[in-house]
Amino acid sequence: MSIEHCIQSKEHLRELWTNIYNTDGKPDWSHILPYYDKDIYFWDTVQKVHGIEEFKGLTERLVERSNDLKMHIKNTAQNGNVIFLEWEMTLSFKKYPNSSIYGSSRVTLNEKGKITEQRDYYDLWGDIFDNIPRFNKTYRKFMHKKFG
């Protein structure tokens, strides 16, 4: 079996993800996209996409919306063909202060070492609202009252 564009380990995936985010703050997925299967199924809090073309579109929209984007991989774990990554993503939108979003990703590999599924878990609104003065306390009070 050829190992070209094949995820070898959790460390290999961590290195690929870390290299998405360059020093200029604009992410570049071109080096990692060949590691995704053509039928990739991706979903997160906001969207679900199926297929490499839809996934490429998702990455392009993220680049367009943010002025600066950084990812810090905190931990990784692997169980067979499933790799988990715990991360902190810092985004800077055009009119708003930097926001940190904390989450994790579950990545499933097929027998060829290609990424066939990626599920991202995070609290988008909570993490963003925490960075808005005055509103952050109101939001957390509401969440605690309704769900805590």
C-alpha atoms as a PDB file:
ATOM      1  CA  MET A   1       0.000   0.000   0.000  1.00  0.00           C
ATOM      2  CA  SER A   2       1.309   3.455  -0.934  1.00  0.00           C
ATOM      3  CA  ILE A   3       1.774   5.847   1.985  1.00  0.00           C
ATOM      4  CA  GLU A   4       1.470   8.983  -0.155  1.00  0.00           C
ATOM      5  CA  HIS A   5      -1.279  11.238   1.236  1.00  0.00           C
ATOM      6  CA  CYS A   6      -2.031   8.702   3.944  1.00  0.00           C
ATOM      7  CA  ILE A   7      -2.378   9.683   7.615  1.00  0.00           C
ATOM      8  CA  GLN A   8       0.299   7.658   9.399  1.00  0.00           C
ATOM      9  CA  SER A   9      -0.493   8.495  13.038  1.00  0.00           C
ATOM     10  CA  LYS A  10      -2.026  11.032  15.394  1.00  0.00           C
ATOM     11  CA  GLU A  11       1.321  12.875  15.382  1.00  0.00           C
ATOM     12  CA  HIS A  12       1.247  13.046  11.575  1.00  0.00           C
ATOM     13  CA  LEU A  13      -2.289  14.475  11.620  1.00  0.00           C
ATOM     14  CA  ARG A  14      -1.304  16.978  14.319  1.00  0.00           C
ATOM     15  CA  GLU A  15       1.601  18.173  12.156  1.00  0.00           C
ATOM     16  CA  LEU A  16      -0.638  18.518   9.088  1.00  0.00           C
ATOM     17  CA  TRP A  17      -3.255  20.506  11.050  1.00  0.00           C
ATOM     18  CA  THR A  18      -0.642  22.732  12.663  1.00  0.00           C
ATOM     19  CA  ASN A  19       0.708  23.638   9.215  1.00  0.00           C
ATOM     20  CA  ILE A  20      -2.721  24.846   8.023  1.00  0.00           C
ATOM     21  CA  TYR A  21      -2.290  28.032  10.025  1.00  0.00           C
ATOM     22  CA  ASN A  22       0.612  30.065   8.696  1.00  0.00           C
ATOM     23  CA  THR A  23       2.271  33.078  10.276  1.00  0.00           C
ATOM     24  CA  ASP A  24       0.158  35.548   8.284  1.00  0.00           C
ATOM     25  CA  GLY A  25      -2.972  34.264   9.992  1.00  0.00           C
ATOM     26  CA  LYS A  26      -4.683  33.164   6.789  1.00  0.00           C
ATOM     27  CA  PRO A  27      -5.091  29.396   6.799  1.00  0.00           C
ATOM     28  CA  ASP A  28      -4.075  27.270   3.824  1.00  0.00           C
ATOM     29  CA  TRP A  29      -5.563  23.792   3.484  1.00  0.00           C
ATOM     30  CA  SER A  30      -3.860  22.969   0.155  1.00  0.00           C
ATOM     31  CA  HIS A  31      -1.302  20.621   1.726  1.00  0.00           C
ATOM     32  CA  ILE A  32      -3.866  18.662   3.772  1.00  0.00           C
ATOM     33  CA  LEU A  33      -6.762  18.368   1.300  1.00  0.00           C
ATOM     34  CA  PRO A  34      -5.140  15.388  -0.511  1.00  0.00           C
ATOM     35  CA  TYR A  35      -5.427  13.483   2.796  1.00  0.00           C
ATOM     36  CA  TYR A  36      -9.229  13.787   2.708  1.00  0.00           C
ATOM     37  CA  ASP A  37     -11.265  11.133   0.904  1.00  0.00           C
ATOM     38  CA  LYS A  38     -13.303  12.393  -2.070  1.00  0.00           C
ATOM     39  CA  ASP A  39     -16.464  11.398  -0.148  1.00  0.00           C
ATOM     40  CA  ILE A  40     -15.501  13.179   3.102  1.00  0.00           C
ATOM     41  CA  TYR A  41     -18.407  13.727   5.481  1.00  0.00           C
ATOM     42  CA  PHE A  42     -17.859  16.744   7.738  1.00  0.00           C
ATOM     43  CA  TRP A  43     -20.169  18.214  10.334  1.00  0.00           C
ATOM     44  CA  ASP A  44     -19.977  20.691  13.155  1.00  0.00           C
ATOM     45  CA  THR A  45     -22.240  23.042  15.113  1.00  0.00           C
ATOM     46  CA  VAL A  46     -23.022  25.123  12.031  1.00  0.00           C
ATOM     47  CA  GLN A  47     -23.044  22.856   8.974  1.00  0.00           C
ATOM     48  CA  LYS A  48     -22.855  19.437   7.394  1.00  0.00           C
ATOM     49  CA  VAL A  49     -21.083  18.886   4.097  1.00  0.00           C
ATOM     50  CA  HIS A  50     -20.469  15.808   1.998  1.00  0.00           C
ATOM     51  CA  GLY A  51     -17.763  15.492  -0.636  1.00  0.00           C
ATOM     52  CA  ILE A  52     -14.391  17.089  -1.148  1.00  0.00           C
ATOM     53  CA  GLU A  53     -15.701  19.996  -3.259  1.00  0.00           C
ATOM     54  CA  GLU A  54     -18.181  21.050  -0.554  1.00  0.00           C
ATOM     55  CA  PHE A  55     -15.451  20.679   2.062  1.00  0.00           C
ATOM     56  CA  LYS A  56     -13.082  22.877   0.012  1.00  0.00           C
ATOM     57  CA  GLY A  57     -15.867  25.475  -0.176  1.00  0.00           C
ATOM     58  CA  LEU A  58     -16.231  25.373   3.601  1.00  0.00           C
ATOM     59  CA  THR A  59     -12.512  26.033   4.076  1.00  0.00           C
ATOM     60  CA  GLU A  60     -12.601  28.918   1.570  1.00  0.00           C
ATOM     61  CA  ARG A  61     -15.553  30.569   3.354  1.00  0.00           C
ATOM     62  CA  LEU A  62     -13.726  30.369   6.692  1.00  0.00           C
ATOM     63  CA  VAL A  63     -10.699  32.122   5.177  1.00  0.00           C
ATOM     64  CA  GLU A  64     -12.904  34.860   3.685  1.00  0.00           C
ATOM     65  CA  ARG A  65     -14.739  35.568   6.973  1.00  0.00           C
ATOM     66  CA  SER A  66     -11.760  35.914   9.261  1.00  0.00           C
ATOM     67  CA  ASN A  67      -8.902  38.394   9.403  1.00  0.00           C
ATOM     68  CA  ASP A  68      -6.730  36.109  11.487  1.00  0.00           C
ATOM     69  CA  LEU A  69      -7.099  32.464  12.423  1.00  0.00           C
ATOM     70  CA  LYS A  70      -4.836  30.407  14.652  1.00  0.00           C
ATOM     71  CA  MET A  71      -5.131  26.847  15.911  1.00  0.00           C
ATOM     72  CA  HIS A  72      -3.347  25.347  18.879  1.00  0.00           C
ATOM     73  CA  ILE A  73      -3.600  21.559  19.183  1.00  0.00           C
ATOM     74  CA  LYS A  74      -3.556  20.781  22.909  1.00  0.00           C
ATOM     75  CA  ASN A  75      -3.924  16.986  22.943  1.00  0.00           C
ATOM     76  CA  THR A  76      -4.329  14.034  20.613  1.00  0.00           C
ATOM     77  CA  ALA A  77      -5.498  10.474  21.122  1.00  0.00           C
ATOM     78  CA  GLN A  78      -5.918   7.545  18.764  1.00  0.00           C
ATOM     79  CA  ASN A  79      -7.995   4.386  18.970  1.00  0.00           C
ATOM     80  CA  GLY A  80      -7.597   2.279  15.845  1.00  0.00           C
ATOM     81  CA  ASN A  81      -8.690   4.326  12.842  1.00  0.00           C
ATOM     82  CA  VAL A  82     -10.172   7.159  14.958  1.00  0.00           C
ATOM     83  CA  ILE A  83      -8.090  10.167  16.006  1.00  0.00           C
ATOM     84  CA  PHE A  84      -9.235  12.821  18.476  1.00  0.00           C
ATOM     85  CA  LEU A  85      -7.728  16.300  18.616  1.00  0.00           C
ATOM     86  CA  GLU A  86      -8.398  18.819  21.374  1.00  0.00           C
ATOM     87  CA  TRP A  87      -7.839  22.381  20.185  1.00  0.00           C
ATOM     88  CA  GLU A  88      -8.107  26.092  20.819  1.00  0.00           C
ATOM     89  CA  MET A  89      -8.919  28.206  17.772  1.00  0.00           C
ATOM     90  CA  THR A  90      -8.475  31.970  17.897  1.00  0.00           C
ATOM     91  CA  LEU A  91     -10.376  33.980  15.290  1.00  0.00           C
ATOM     92  CA  SER A  92     -10.373  37.651  14.513  1.00  0.00           C
ATOM     93  CA  PHE A  93     -13.409  38.923  12.652  1.00  0.00           C
ATOM     94  CA  LYS A  94     -13.531  42.246  10.864  1.00  0.00           C
ATOM     95  CA  LYS A  95     -15.286  44.397  13.534  1.00  0.00           C
ATOM     96  CA  TYR A  96     -14.959  42.293  16.677  1.00  0.00           C
ATOM     97  CA  PRO A  97     -12.192  41.422  19.133  1.00  0.00           C
ATOM     98  CA  ASN A  98     -10.347  38.114  18.951  1.00  0.00           C
ATOM     99  CA  SER A  99     -12.438  35.180  20.087  1.00  0.00           C
ATOM    100  CA  SER A 100     -11.123  31.854  21.301  1.00  0.00           C
ATOM    101  CA  ILE A 101     -13.175  28.770  20.599  1.00  0.00           C
ATOM    102  CA  TYR A 102     -12.357  25.570  22.445  1.00  0.00           C
ATOM    103  CA  GLY A 103     -13.233  22.250  20.928  1.00  0.00           C
ATOM    104  CA  SER A 104     -12.273  18.863  19.673  1.00  0.00           C
ATOM    105  CA  SER A 105     -12.408  16.937  16.434  1.00  0.00           C
ATOM    106  CA  ARG A 106     -13.024  13.256  15.842  1.00  0.00           C
ATOM    107  CA  VAL A 107     -11.367  12.142  12.617  1.00  0.00           C
ATOM    108  CA  THR A 108     -12.096   8.729  11.093  1.00  0.00           C
ATOM    109  CA  LEU A 109      -9.677   7.170   8.619  1.00  0.00           C
ATOM    110  CA  ASN A 110     -10.478   4.571   5.987  1.00  0.00           C
ATOM    111  CA  GLU A 111      -8.268   1.561   5.200  1.00  0.00           C
ATOM    112  CA  LYS A 112      -6.129   3.761   2.897  1.00  0.00           C
ATOM    113  CA  GLY A 113      -5.423   6.282   5.663  1.00  0.00           C
ATOM    114  CA  LYS A 114      -7.659   8.963   4.124  1.00  0.00           C
ATOM    115  CA  ILE A 115      -9.990  11.069   6.264  1.00  0.00           C
ATOM    116  CA  THR A 116     -13.545   9.878   5.578  1.00  0.00           C
ATOM    117  CA  GLU A 117     -15.326  11.620   8.457  1.00  0.00           C
ATOM    118  CA  GLN A 118     -14.593  14.647  10.584  1.00  0.00           C
ATOM    119  CA  ARG A 119     -16.866  15.728  13.404  1.00  0.00           C
ATOM    120  CA  ASP A 120     -15.997  18.977  15.184  1.00  0.00           C
ATOM    121  CA  TYR A 121     -17.439  19.662  18.646  1.00  0.00           C
ATOM    122  CA  TYR A 122     -17.495  23.157  20.138  1.00  0.00           C
ATOM    123  CA  ASP A 123     -19.742  25.786  21.728  1.00  0.00           C
ATOM    124  CA  LEU A 124     -19.604  28.467  19.031  1.00  0.00           C
ATOM    125  CA  TRP A 125     -21.930  31.030  20.566  1.00  0.00           C
ATOM    126  CA  GLY A 126     -20.832  30.597  24.155  1.00  0.00           C
ATOM    127  CA  ASP A 127     -17.159  31.013  23.315  1.00  0.00           C
ATOM    128  CA  ILE A 128     -17.802  34.035  21.081  1.00  0.00           C
ATOM    129  CA  PHE A 129     -20.253  35.680  23.505  1.00  0.00           C
ATOM    130  CA  ASP A 130     -17.736  35.282  26.348  1.00  0.00           C
ATOM    131  CA  ASN A 131     -15.584  37.850  24.517  1.00  0.00           C
ATOM    132  CA  ILE A 132     -18.282  40.553  24.251  1.00  0.00           C
ATOM    133  CA  PRO A 133     -18.184  42.932  27.228  1.00  0.00           C
ATOM    134  CA  ARG A 134     -21.422  43.189  29.275  1.00  0.00           C
ATOM    135  CA  PHE A 135     -23.220  40.680  27.037  1.00  0.00           C
ATOM    136  CA  ASN A 136     -21.027  37.818  28.258  1.00  0.00           C
ATOM    137  CA  LYS A 137     -22.411  37.916  31.805  1.00  0.00           C
ATOM    138  CA  THR A 138     -26.008  38.156  30.593  1.00  0.00           C
ATOM    139  CA  TYR A 139     -25.528  35.182  28.269  1.00  0.00           C
ATOM    140  CA  ARG A 140     -23.925  33.007  30.948  1.00  0.00           C
ATOM    141  CA  LYS A 141     -26.627  33.952  33.477  1.00  0.00           C
ATOM    142  CA  PHE A 142     -29.313  32.967  30.947  1.00  0.00           C
ATOM    143  CA  MET A 143     -27.575  29.636  30.181  1.00  0.00           C
ATOM    144  CA  HIS A 144     -27.204  28.847  33.873  1.00  0.00           C
ATOM    145  CA  LYS A 145     -30.858  29.673  34.579  1.00  0.00           C
ATOM    146  CA  LYS A 146     -32.221  27.648  31.642  1.00  0.00           C
ATOM    147  CA  PHE A 147     -29.764  24.742  31.456  1.00  0.00           C
ATOM    148  CA  GLY A 148     -27.609  24.724  34.599  1.00  0.00           C
END
